[in-house]
Amino acid sequence: MVELAAEYNILRIDPVKFGFGLIALAVVYFFVARKAVPKVMKVLDERHDAIEGGIERAKTAEAEAEAIRQQYREKLEESHREYAQELEKAKEQRAAIIAEAREEAQAEARRIVAAAHAQIEADRQQAFSQLKGEIGVLSTELAGRIVGESLSDSAAQNRVIDRFLDELERSEGKQQAEVR
C-alpha cells in the first residue's frame, strides 16, 4: 500500500481527464455565453428600462401634477379675485339701493308733509269760513239787539258783518304785532 500510495499522487493531473474537462468547460462556456447570458442580460436590461422608465414616468407624472396644482392655485386665486369684485359690486349696489330708497322715502315724506300742510290750510280756511258765517249771524243778532231793530235785510247784514270782520282782523293784526 505504501507502494501503491507512492505511485499514486493526488496532485497529479490526468491529461485525458484534463482534456475532456477543458472541452466540457468550453462547451458549457459556449452554451452559457451564447444562449443563457444574452437572455439574462435581456431580462436585466428590460428590468433596468422598466425601473428607469418607471422613474421617468413618475417624474413626468409629478411634473404634470405640479402643473395641474399650479393651475388650480391660479384658478382659485382668480375665483377669489372675482368673488371680491362681485362682493364689492354687491356692496355698491346695496349702497345705491339704500340711497335711492332713502331719497324716495324723503320725497314721499316731503309729499306727505306738503299734503298735510295743504290739508291743514284747507281745514283752516274752511273753519275760518264757517266761523265767519257764524260770527256774521251772531253779530247780526247782537247788532239787532243793540240797535233794537231787526236786520233782516241781507245787504245791511252783509255790511255789518264785513265791518265787524274788518275790525276783528285789524285787532288781530295789532295783537300779532304786539306779540312779535
N, C-alpha and C. Protein backbone atom coordinates (compact mmCIF):
# COMPACT_ATOMS: atom_id res chain seq x y z
N MET A 1 0.76 -1.12 0.00
CA MET A 1 0.00 0.00 0.00
C MET A 1 0.84 1.25 0.00
N VAL A 2 1.88 1.15 0.60
CA VAL A 2 2.81 2.27 0.58
C VAL A 2 3.32 2.43 -0.83
N GLU A 3 3.53 1.34 -1.43
CA GLU A 3 3.99 1.41 -2.78
C GLU A 3 2.90 1.93 -3.68
N LEU A 4 1.73 1.49 -3.47
CA LEU A 4 0.59 1.96 -4.24
C LEU A 4 0.36 3.42 -3.95
N ALA A 5 0.56 3.75 -2.76
CA ALA A 5 0.35 5.14 -2.38
C ALA A 5 1.48 5.97 -2.93
N ALA A 6 2.66 5.45 -3.02
CA ALA A 6 3.77 6.21 -3.55
C ALA A 6 3.60 6.38 -5.04
N GLU A 7 3.01 5.43 -5.73
CA GLU A 7 2.79 5.56 -7.15
C GLU A 7 1.62 6.48 -7.46
N TYR A 8 0.68 6.54 -6.65
CA TYR A 8 -0.50 7.34 -6.90
C TYR A 8 -0.33 8.68 -6.20
N ASN A 9 -0.28 9.78 -6.93
CA ASN A 9 -0.13 11.11 -6.38
C ASN A 9 -1.45 11.85 -6.58
N ILE A 10 -1.89 12.34 -5.51
CA ILE A 10 -3.18 13.03 -5.53
C ILE A 10 -3.09 14.31 -6.33
N LEU A 11 -2.00 14.92 -6.34
CA LEU A 11 -1.86 16.21 -7.01
C LEU A 11 -1.57 16.06 -8.49
N ARG A 12 -1.38 14.93 -8.91
CA ARG A 12 -1.06 14.72 -10.30
C ARG A 12 -2.32 14.78 -11.12
N ILE A 13 -2.32 15.49 -12.32
CA ILE A 13 -3.48 15.67 -13.16
C ILE A 13 -3.39 14.66 -14.30
N ASP A 14 -4.53 14.05 -14.51
CA ASP A 14 -4.61 13.10 -15.61
C ASP A 14 -4.89 13.90 -16.87
N PRO A 15 -3.99 13.73 -17.91
CA PRO A 15 -4.16 14.55 -19.12
C PRO A 15 -5.44 14.25 -19.88
N VAL A 16 -5.95 13.10 -19.89
CA VAL A 16 -7.18 12.76 -20.60
C VAL A 16 -8.36 13.41 -19.91
N LYS A 17 -8.39 13.28 -18.61
CA LYS A 17 -9.49 13.89 -17.85
C LYS A 17 -9.42 15.40 -17.99
N PHE A 18 -8.16 15.91 -18.00
CA PHE A 18 -8.00 17.34 -18.13
C PHE A 18 -8.49 17.82 -19.48
N GLY A 19 -8.22 17.13 -20.51
CA GLY A 19 -8.66 17.47 -21.87
C GLY A 19 -10.18 17.42 -21.99
N PHE A 20 -10.76 16.32 -21.49
CA PHE A 20 -12.22 16.23 -21.50
C PHE A 20 -12.84 17.34 -20.66
N GLY A 21 -12.25 17.70 -19.56
CA GLY A 21 -12.74 18.78 -18.69
C GLY A 21 -12.71 20.11 -19.40
N LEU A 22 -11.55 20.33 -20.16
CA LEU A 22 -11.46 21.58 -20.90
C LEU A 22 -12.51 21.63 -22.01
N ILE A 23 -12.71 20.56 -22.68
CA ILE A 23 -13.71 20.51 -23.75
C ILE A 23 -15.10 20.72 -23.16
N ALA A 24 -15.38 20.08 -22.06
CA ALA A 24 -16.69 20.24 -21.41
C ALA A 24 -16.87 21.68 -20.94
N LEU A 25 -15.78 22.26 -20.39
CA LEU A 25 -15.86 23.64 -19.95
C LEU A 25 -16.08 24.56 -21.14
N ALA A 26 -15.44 24.31 -22.24
CA ALA A 26 -15.62 25.14 -23.43
C ALA A 26 -17.04 25.02 -23.95
N VAL A 27 -17.60 23.83 -23.95
CA VAL A 27 -18.98 23.64 -24.40
C VAL A 27 -19.94 24.36 -23.48
N VAL A 28 -19.74 24.21 -22.20
CA VAL A 28 -20.62 24.88 -21.23
C VAL A 28 -20.47 26.39 -21.37
N TYR A 29 -19.19 26.83 -21.49
CA TYR A 29 -18.95 28.27 -21.64
C TYR A 29 -19.62 28.78 -22.91
N PHE A 30 -19.45 28.07 -24.01
CA PHE A 30 -20.04 28.46 -25.27
C PHE A 30 -21.57 28.51 -25.14
N PHE A 31 -22.15 27.48 -24.52
CA PHE A 31 -23.60 27.42 -24.35
C PHE A 31 -24.08 28.57 -23.46
N VAL A 32 -23.40 28.77 -22.35
CA VAL A 32 -23.80 29.82 -21.42
C VAL A 32 -23.58 31.18 -22.06
N ALA A 33 -22.43 31.41 -22.70
CA ALA A 33 -22.11 32.70 -23.29
C ALA A 33 -23.03 33.03 -24.45
N ARG A 34 -23.43 32.05 -25.25
CA ARG A 34 -24.25 32.30 -26.43
C ARG A 34 -25.74 32.24 -26.15
N LYS A 35 -26.16 31.46 -25.25
CA LYS A 35 -27.59 31.24 -25.05
C LYS A 35 -28.10 31.85 -23.73
N ALA A 36 -27.51 31.52 -22.64
CA ALA A 36 -28.05 31.90 -21.33
C ALA A 36 -27.73 33.35 -20.99
N VAL A 37 -26.49 33.78 -21.23
CA VAL A 37 -26.11 35.14 -20.84
C VAL A 37 -26.92 36.18 -21.60
N PRO A 38 -27.13 36.08 -22.93
CA PRO A 38 -27.94 37.11 -23.61
C PRO A 38 -29.37 37.17 -23.08
N LYS A 39 -29.95 36.02 -22.77
CA LYS A 39 -31.31 36.03 -22.22
C LYS A 39 -31.33 36.72 -20.85
N VAL A 40 -30.35 36.38 -20.03
CA VAL A 40 -30.27 37.01 -18.70
C VAL A 40 -30.03 38.51 -18.86
N MET A 41 -29.12 38.88 -19.76
CA MET A 41 -28.83 40.29 -19.98
C MET A 41 -30.07 41.03 -20.52
N LYS A 42 -30.82 40.34 -21.40
CA LYS A 42 -32.03 40.94 -21.94
C LYS A 42 -33.05 41.19 -20.82
N VAL A 43 -33.22 40.20 -19.95
CA VAL A 43 -34.15 40.36 -18.81
C VAL A 43 -33.67 41.47 -17.90
N LEU A 44 -32.35 41.51 -17.64
CA LEU A 44 -31.81 42.57 -16.78
C LEU A 44 -31.99 43.95 -17.42
N ASP A 45 -31.76 44.02 -18.75
CA ASP A 45 -31.96 45.30 -19.44
C ASP A 45 -33.43 45.72 -19.40
N GLU A 46 -34.33 44.76 -19.59
CA GLU A 46 -35.76 45.09 -19.53
C GLU A 46 -36.13 45.60 -18.14
N ARG A 47 -35.63 44.93 -17.13
CA ARG A 47 -35.91 45.38 -15.76
C ARG A 47 -35.32 46.77 -15.52
N HIS A 48 -34.10 46.96 -16.03
CA HIS A 48 -33.45 48.27 -15.88
C HIS A 48 -34.28 49.35 -16.59
N ASP A 49 -34.70 49.05 -17.81
CA ASP A 49 -35.53 50.01 -18.56
C ASP A 49 -36.87 50.25 -17.86
N ALA A 50 -37.44 49.17 -17.34
CA ALA A 50 -38.72 49.31 -16.64
C ALA A 50 -38.55 50.19 -15.41
N ILE A 51 -37.48 49.97 -14.68
CA ILE A 51 -37.23 50.77 -13.48
C ILE A 51 -36.95 52.22 -13.87
N GLU A 52 -36.05 52.40 -14.84
CA GLU A 52 -35.72 53.75 -15.29
C GLU A 52 -36.95 54.43 -15.90
N GLY A 53 -37.71 53.68 -16.70
CA GLY A 53 -38.95 54.21 -17.30
C GLY A 53 -39.97 54.57 -16.23
N GLY A 54 -40.05 53.72 -15.22
CA GLY A 54 -40.97 54.00 -14.12
C GLY A 54 -40.58 55.27 -13.39
N ILE A 55 -39.28 55.42 -13.20
CA ILE A 55 -38.80 56.63 -12.54
C ILE A 55 -39.10 57.85 -13.41
N GLU A 56 -38.83 57.70 -14.71
CA GLU A 56 -39.12 58.82 -15.63
C GLU A 56 -40.61 59.11 -15.68
N ARG A 57 -41.42 58.05 -15.73
CA ARG A 57 -42.87 58.26 -15.74
C ARG A 57 -43.33 58.91 -14.44
N ALA A 58 -42.73 58.50 -13.34
CA ALA A 58 -43.07 59.10 -12.05
C ALA A 58 -42.68 60.57 -12.03
N LYS A 59 -41.48 60.89 -12.56
CA LYS A 59 -41.06 62.29 -12.63
C LYS A 59 -41.99 63.09 -13.53
N THR A 60 -42.36 62.50 -14.67
CA THR A 60 -43.27 63.18 -15.59
C THR A 60 -44.63 63.39 -14.94
N ALA A 61 -45.12 62.35 -14.27
CA ALA A 61 -46.41 62.46 -13.59
C ALA A 61 -46.34 63.50 -12.48
N GLU A 62 -45.22 63.53 -11.78
CA GLU A 62 -45.06 64.52 -10.72
C GLU A 62 -45.03 65.93 -11.29
N ALA A 63 -44.34 66.11 -12.42
CA ALA A 63 -44.30 67.42 -13.07
C ALA A 63 -45.70 67.83 -13.54
N GLU A 64 -46.43 66.88 -14.13
CA GLU A 64 -47.80 67.17 -14.57
C GLU A 64 -48.69 67.51 -13.38
N ALA A 65 -48.53 66.76 -12.29
CA ALA A 65 -49.32 67.04 -11.09
C ALA A 65 -49.00 68.43 -10.55
N GLU A 66 -47.74 68.80 -10.57
CA GLU A 66 -47.35 70.14 -10.10
C GLU A 66 -47.93 71.22 -11.01
N ALA A 67 -47.92 70.97 -12.32
CA ALA A 67 -48.52 71.93 -13.26
C ALA A 67 -50.02 72.06 -13.01
N ILE A 68 -50.68 70.94 -12.79
CA ILE A 68 -52.12 70.97 -12.51
C ILE A 68 -52.38 71.67 -11.18
N ARG A 69 -51.56 71.41 -10.19
CA ARG A 69 -51.68 72.07 -8.88
C ARG A 69 -51.51 73.58 -9.04
N GLN A 70 -50.53 73.98 -9.85
CA GLN A 70 -50.31 75.41 -10.09
C GLN A 70 -51.50 76.03 -10.81
N GLN A 71 -52.06 75.33 -11.79
CA GLN A 71 -53.25 75.83 -12.48
C GLN A 71 -54.41 75.94 -11.51
N TYR A 72 -54.55 74.97 -10.64
CA TYR A 72 -55.61 75.00 -9.64
C TYR A 72 -55.45 76.22 -8.73
N ARG A 73 -54.20 76.45 -8.29
CA ARG A 73 -53.95 77.61 -7.43
C ARG A 73 -54.30 78.91 -8.16
N GLU A 74 -53.90 79.01 -9.43
CA GLU A 74 -54.19 80.22 -10.21
C GLU A 74 -55.70 80.41 -10.36
N LYS A 75 -56.40 79.32 -10.67
CA LYS A 75 -57.86 79.42 -10.80
C LYS A 75 -58.50 79.78 -9.46
N LEU A 76 -57.98 79.23 -8.38
CA LEU A 76 -58.50 79.55 -7.06
C LEU A 76 -58.28 81.03 -6.73
N GLU A 77 -57.09 81.52 -7.03
CA GLU A 77 -56.81 82.95 -6.81
C GLU A 77 -57.71 83.81 -7.67
N GLU A 78 -57.90 83.41 -8.92
CA GLU A 78 -58.78 84.15 -9.83
C GLU A 78 -60.22 84.16 -9.31
N SER A 79 -60.66 83.01 -8.81
CA SER A 79 -62.02 82.96 -8.27
C SER A 79 -62.14 83.81 -7.02
N HIS A 80 -61.07 83.88 -6.22
CA HIS A 80 -61.09 84.76 -5.04
C HIS A 80 -61.17 86.23 -5.48
N ARG A 81 -60.41 86.58 -6.52
CA ARG A 81 -60.47 87.95 -7.03
C ARG A 81 -61.86 88.26 -7.57
N GLU A 82 -62.43 87.34 -8.33
CA GLU A 82 -63.77 87.55 -8.87
C GLU A 82 -64.79 87.67 -7.74
N TYR A 83 -64.64 86.84 -6.72
CA TYR A 83 -65.55 86.91 -5.57
C TYR A 83 -65.46 88.27 -4.90
N ALA A 84 -64.23 88.75 -4.72
CA ALA A 84 -64.04 90.07 -4.09
C ALA A 84 -64.66 91.16 -4.96
N GLN A 85 -64.49 91.05 -6.28
CA GLN A 85 -65.09 92.05 -7.18
C GLN A 85 -66.60 92.00 -7.11
N GLU A 86 -67.17 90.81 -7.13
CA GLU A 86 -68.62 90.67 -7.06
C GLU A 86 -69.14 91.18 -5.72
N LEU A 87 -68.39 90.91 -4.67
CA LEU A 87 -68.79 91.40 -3.34
C LEU A 87 -68.76 92.92 -3.32
N GLU A 88 -67.74 93.51 -3.92
CA GLU A 88 -67.65 94.97 -3.98
C GLU A 88 -68.80 95.54 -4.80
N LYS A 89 -69.12 94.89 -5.92
CA LYS A 89 -70.25 95.34 -6.74
C LYS A 89 -71.55 95.26 -5.94
N ALA A 90 -71.70 94.16 -5.21
CA ALA A 90 -72.92 93.99 -4.40
C ALA A 90 -73.02 95.07 -3.33
N LYS A 91 -71.88 95.41 -2.72
CA LYS A 91 -71.88 96.47 -1.71
C LYS A 91 -72.27 97.80 -2.35
N GLU A 92 -71.71 98.06 -3.54
CA GLU A 92 -72.05 99.31 -4.23
C GLU A 92 -73.52 99.34 -4.59
N GLN A 93 -74.04 98.22 -5.10
CA GLN A 93 -75.46 98.15 -5.45
C GLN A 93 -76.32 98.33 -4.21
N ARG A 94 -75.91 97.71 -3.10
CA ARG A 94 -76.67 97.85 -1.87
C ARG A 94 -76.70 99.31 -1.43
N ALA A 95 -75.54 99.97 -1.51
CA ALA A 95 -75.47 101.38 -1.12
C ALA A 95 -76.34 102.23 -2.04
N ALA A 96 -76.32 101.92 -3.34
CA ALA A 96 -77.14 102.67 -4.30
C ALA A 96 -78.62 102.45 -4.03
N ILE A 97 -78.98 101.21 -3.74
CA ILE A 97 -80.39 100.90 -3.46
C ILE A 97 -80.84 101.59 -2.19
N ILE A 98 -79.98 101.58 -1.18
CA ILE A 98 -80.32 102.23 0.09
C ILE A 98 -80.47 103.74 -0.13
N ALA A 99 -79.53 104.32 -0.89
CA ALA A 99 -79.59 105.76 -1.16
C ALA A 99 -80.86 106.10 -1.94
N GLU A 100 -81.17 105.27 -2.94
CA GLU A 100 -82.38 105.50 -3.74
C GLU A 100 -83.63 105.37 -2.87
N ALA A 101 -83.66 104.35 -2.03
CA ALA A 101 -84.82 104.16 -1.15
C ALA A 101 -84.93 105.32 -0.17
N ARG A 102 -83.79 105.78 0.32
CA ARG A 102 -83.79 106.91 1.25
C ARG A 102 -84.33 108.16 0.55
N GLU A 103 -83.86 108.40 -0.69
CA GLU A 103 -84.34 109.55 -1.44
C GLU A 103 -85.84 109.45 -1.70
N GLU A 104 -86.27 108.24 -2.09
CA GLU A 104 -87.71 108.05 -2.33
C GLU A 104 -88.51 108.27 -1.05
N ALA A 105 -87.98 107.77 0.07
CA ALA A 105 -88.68 107.94 1.34
C ALA A 105 -88.73 109.42 1.73
N GLN A 106 -87.63 110.12 1.51
CA GLN A 106 -87.62 111.55 1.83
C GLN A 106 -88.58 112.31 0.93
N ALA A 107 -88.60 111.97 -0.37
CA ALA A 107 -89.53 112.62 -1.29
C ALA A 107 -90.97 112.33 -0.88
N GLU A 108 -91.22 111.08 -0.51
CA GLU A 108 -92.57 110.70 -0.07
C GLU A 108 -92.93 111.45 1.22
N ALA A 109 -91.97 111.57 2.12
CA ALA A 109 -92.22 112.30 3.38
C ALA A 109 -92.51 113.77 3.08
N ARG A 110 -91.71 114.36 2.16
CA ARG A 110 -91.98 115.76 1.79
C ARG A 110 -93.36 115.90 1.17
N ARG A 111 -93.72 114.95 0.32
CA ARG A 111 -95.02 114.99 -0.32
C ARG A 111 -96.13 114.87 0.72
N ILE A 112 -95.94 113.96 1.68
CA ILE A 112 -96.95 113.78 2.73
C ILE A 112 -97.05 115.03 3.60
N VAL A 113 -95.90 115.62 3.93
CA VAL A 113 -95.90 116.84 4.74
C VAL A 113 -96.57 117.97 3.97
N ALA A 114 -96.26 118.10 2.68
CA ALA A 114 -96.88 119.15 1.86
C ALA A 114 -98.38 118.93 1.78
N ALA A 115 -98.79 117.65 1.59
CA ALA A 115 -100.23 117.35 1.54
C ALA A 115 -100.87 117.65 2.88
N ALA A 116 -100.17 117.36 3.97
CA ALA A 116 -100.72 117.64 5.30
C ALA A 116 -100.85 119.15 5.51
N HIS A 117 -99.82 119.90 5.09
CA HIS A 117 -99.90 121.36 5.20
C HIS A 117 -101.06 121.90 4.37
N ALA A 118 -101.21 121.37 3.15
CA ALA A 118 -102.32 121.82 2.30
C ALA A 118 -103.65 121.48 2.94
N GLN A 119 -103.74 120.27 3.51
CA GLN A 119 -104.99 119.86 4.17
C GLN A 119 -105.26 120.74 5.38
N ILE A 120 -104.21 121.01 6.13
CA ILE A 120 -104.38 121.89 7.31
C ILE A 120 -104.83 123.27 6.87
N GLU A 121 -104.21 123.78 5.81
CA GLU A 121 -104.60 125.11 5.30
C GLU A 121 -106.03 125.09 4.81
N ALA A 122 -106.43 124.01 4.11
CA ALA A 122 -107.82 123.91 3.64
C ALA A 122 -108.77 123.82 4.82
N ASP A 123 -108.41 123.02 5.82
CA ASP A 123 -109.26 122.92 7.02
C ASP A 123 -109.34 124.26 7.74
N ARG A 124 -108.21 124.96 7.78
CA ARG A 124 -108.20 126.28 8.42
C ARG A 124 -109.10 127.25 7.67
N GLN A 125 -109.00 127.21 6.33
CA GLN A 125 -109.85 128.10 5.54
C GLN A 125 -111.32 127.74 5.72
N GLN A 126 -111.60 126.46 5.75
CA GLN A 126 -112.99 126.03 5.94
C GLN A 126 -113.48 126.43 7.33
N ALA A 127 -112.65 126.22 8.33
CA ALA A 127 -113.03 126.61 9.69
C ALA A 127 -113.21 128.12 9.76
N PHE A 128 -112.33 128.86 9.08
CA PHE A 128 -112.43 130.32 9.07
C PHE A 128 -113.72 130.76 8.39
N SER A 129 -114.08 130.09 7.28
CA SER A 129 -115.32 130.43 6.58
C SER A 129 -116.53 130.12 7.46
N GLN A 130 -116.51 128.95 8.12
CA GLN A 130 -117.63 128.60 9.00
C GLN A 130 -117.71 129.57 10.17
N LEU A 131 -116.54 129.89 10.69
CA LEU A 131 -116.50 130.82 11.81
C LEU A 131 -116.98 132.20 11.37
N LYS A 132 -116.58 132.59 10.18
CA LYS A 132 -117.00 133.89 9.64
C LYS A 132 -118.52 133.92 9.50
N GLY A 133 -119.08 132.83 9.00
CA GLY A 133 -120.54 132.76 8.84
C GLY A 133 -121.24 132.82 10.19
N GLU A 134 -120.73 132.04 11.14
CA GLU A 134 -121.34 132.02 12.47
C GLU A 134 -121.20 133.38 13.16
N ILE A 135 -120.01 133.99 12.99
CA ILE A 135 -119.79 135.31 13.57
C ILE A 135 -120.76 136.32 12.94
N GLY A 136 -120.95 136.17 11.64
CA GLY A 136 -121.88 137.07 10.95
C GLY A 136 -123.29 136.96 11.51
N VAL A 137 -123.73 135.73 11.68
CA VAL A 137 -125.08 135.52 12.21
C VAL A 137 -125.16 136.07 13.63
N LEU A 138 -124.17 135.75 14.47
CA LEU A 138 -124.17 136.23 15.85
C LEU A 138 -124.07 137.75 15.92
N SER A 139 -123.22 138.33 15.06
CA SER A 139 -123.08 139.78 15.08
C SER A 139 -124.36 140.47 14.60
N THR A 140 -125.06 139.84 13.66
CA THR A 140 -126.32 140.42 13.17
C THR A 140 -127.33 140.40 14.29
N GLU A 141 -127.40 139.29 15.00
CA GLU A 141 -128.34 139.20 16.11
C GLU A 141 -127.97 140.20 17.20
N LEU A 142 -126.68 140.30 17.49
CA LEU A 142 -126.22 141.23 18.51
C LEU A 142 -126.48 142.68 18.10
N ALA A 143 -126.18 142.97 16.85
CA ALA A 143 -126.42 144.33 16.36
C ALA A 143 -127.90 144.64 16.39
N GLY A 144 -128.71 143.66 16.05
CA GLY A 144 -130.16 143.86 16.08
C GLY A 144 -130.62 144.13 17.49
N ARG A 145 -130.08 143.47 18.48
CA ARG A 145 -130.47 143.69 19.86
C ARG A 145 -129.98 145.06 20.34
N ILE A 146 -128.77 145.40 19.92
CA ILE A 146 -128.23 146.69 20.35
C ILE A 146 -129.01 147.82 19.69
N VAL A 147 -129.25 147.75 18.45
CA VAL A 147 -129.95 148.80 17.71
C VAL A 147 -131.42 148.76 18.06
N GLY A 148 -131.88 147.65 18.31
CA GLY A 148 -133.27 147.48 18.67
C GLY A 148 -134.14 147.26 17.46
N GLU A 149 -133.61 147.04 16.34
CA GLU A 149 -134.40 146.74 15.16
C GLU A 149 -133.85 145.50 14.50
N SER A 150 -134.65 144.89 13.71
CA SER A 150 -134.25 143.66 13.05
C SER A 150 -133.48 144.00 11.81
N LEU A 151 -132.37 143.28 11.64
CA LEU A 151 -131.55 143.47 10.45
C LEU A 151 -131.82 142.30 9.51
N SER A 152 -133.00 142.33 8.97
CA SER A 152 -133.38 141.22 8.11
C SER A 152 -132.96 141.46 6.69
N ASP A 153 -132.62 142.65 6.38
CA ASP A 153 -132.16 142.97 5.03
C ASP A 153 -130.77 142.36 4.85
N SER A 154 -130.59 141.58 3.81
CA SER A 154 -129.32 140.88 3.63
C SER A 154 -128.21 141.85 3.29
N ALA A 155 -128.46 142.90 2.57
CA ALA A 155 -127.43 143.87 2.25
C ALA A 155 -126.95 144.54 3.52
N ALA A 156 -127.83 144.87 4.38
CA ALA A 156 -127.46 145.51 5.65
C ALA A 156 -126.69 144.52 6.49
N GLN A 157 -127.12 143.26 6.48
CA GLN A 157 -126.42 142.23 7.24
C GLN A 157 -124.99 142.09 6.74
N ASN A 158 -124.86 142.05 5.44
CA ASN A 158 -123.51 141.87 4.85
C ASN A 158 -122.61 143.04 5.20
N ARG A 159 -123.15 144.28 5.18
CA ARG A 159 -122.33 145.44 5.53
C ARG A 159 -121.89 145.36 6.98
N VAL A 160 -122.81 145.02 7.85
CA VAL A 160 -122.49 144.93 9.27
C VAL A 160 -121.46 143.82 9.51
N ILE A 161 -121.65 142.67 8.86
CA ILE A 161 -120.72 141.53 9.03
C ILE A 161 -119.34 141.90 8.52
N ASP A 162 -119.29 142.53 7.33
CA ASP A 162 -117.99 142.89 6.76
C ASP A 162 -117.28 143.90 7.65
N ARG A 163 -118.00 144.89 8.15
CA ARG A 163 -117.40 145.89 9.02
C ARG A 163 -116.87 145.23 10.29
N PHE A 164 -117.65 144.34 10.87
CA PHE A 164 -117.25 143.66 12.10
C PHE A 164 -115.99 142.81 11.88
N LEU A 165 -115.96 142.07 10.76
CA LEU A 165 -114.80 141.21 10.46
C LEU A 165 -113.56 142.05 10.19
N ASP A 166 -113.74 143.19 9.49
CA ASP A 166 -112.59 144.06 9.23
C ASP A 166 -112.01 144.57 10.55
N GLU A 167 -112.89 144.98 11.47
CA GLU A 167 -112.42 145.46 12.77
C GLU A 167 -111.75 144.31 13.54
N LEU A 168 -112.30 143.10 13.42
CA LEU A 168 -111.72 141.93 14.09
C LEU A 168 -110.33 141.62 13.53
N GLU A 169 -110.20 141.68 12.21
CA GLU A 169 -108.91 141.41 11.59
C GLU A 169 -107.89 142.46 11.97
N ARG A 170 -108.30 143.72 12.03
CA ARG A 170 -107.38 144.79 12.43
C ARG A 170 -106.92 144.59 13.87
N SER A 171 -107.82 144.19 14.72
CA SER A 171 -107.44 143.99 16.12
C SER A 171 -106.51 142.77 16.25
N GLU A 172 -106.75 141.72 15.45
CA GLU A 172 -105.83 140.56 15.46
C GLU A 172 -104.47 140.95 14.94
N GLY A 173 -104.42 141.77 13.90
CA GLY A 173 -103.14 142.22 13.34
C GLY A 173 -102.37 143.01 14.37
N LYS A 174 -103.04 143.86 15.15
CA LYS A 174 -102.38 144.65 16.19
C LYS A 174 -101.86 143.73 17.29
N GLN A 175 -102.65 142.71 17.66
CA GLN A 175 -102.23 141.79 18.71
C GLN A 175 -101.00 141.00 18.26
N GLN A 176 -101.00 140.57 17.00
CA GLN A 176 -99.86 139.79 16.48
C GLN A 176 -98.62 140.68 16.40
N ALA A 177 -98.79 141.96 16.04
CA ALA A 177 -97.66 142.89 16.00
C ALA A 177 -97.11 143.12 17.38
N GLU A 178 -97.97 143.18 18.39
CA GLU A 178 -97.51 143.39 19.75
C GLU A 178 -96.76 142.17 20.26
N VAL A 179 -97.20 140.98 19.86
CA VAL A 179 -96.55 139.73 20.29
C VAL A 179 -95.15 139.63 19.70
N ARG A 180 -95.00 140.07 18.50
CA ARG A 180 -93.70 139.98 17.84
C ARG A 180 -92.80 141.01 18.42
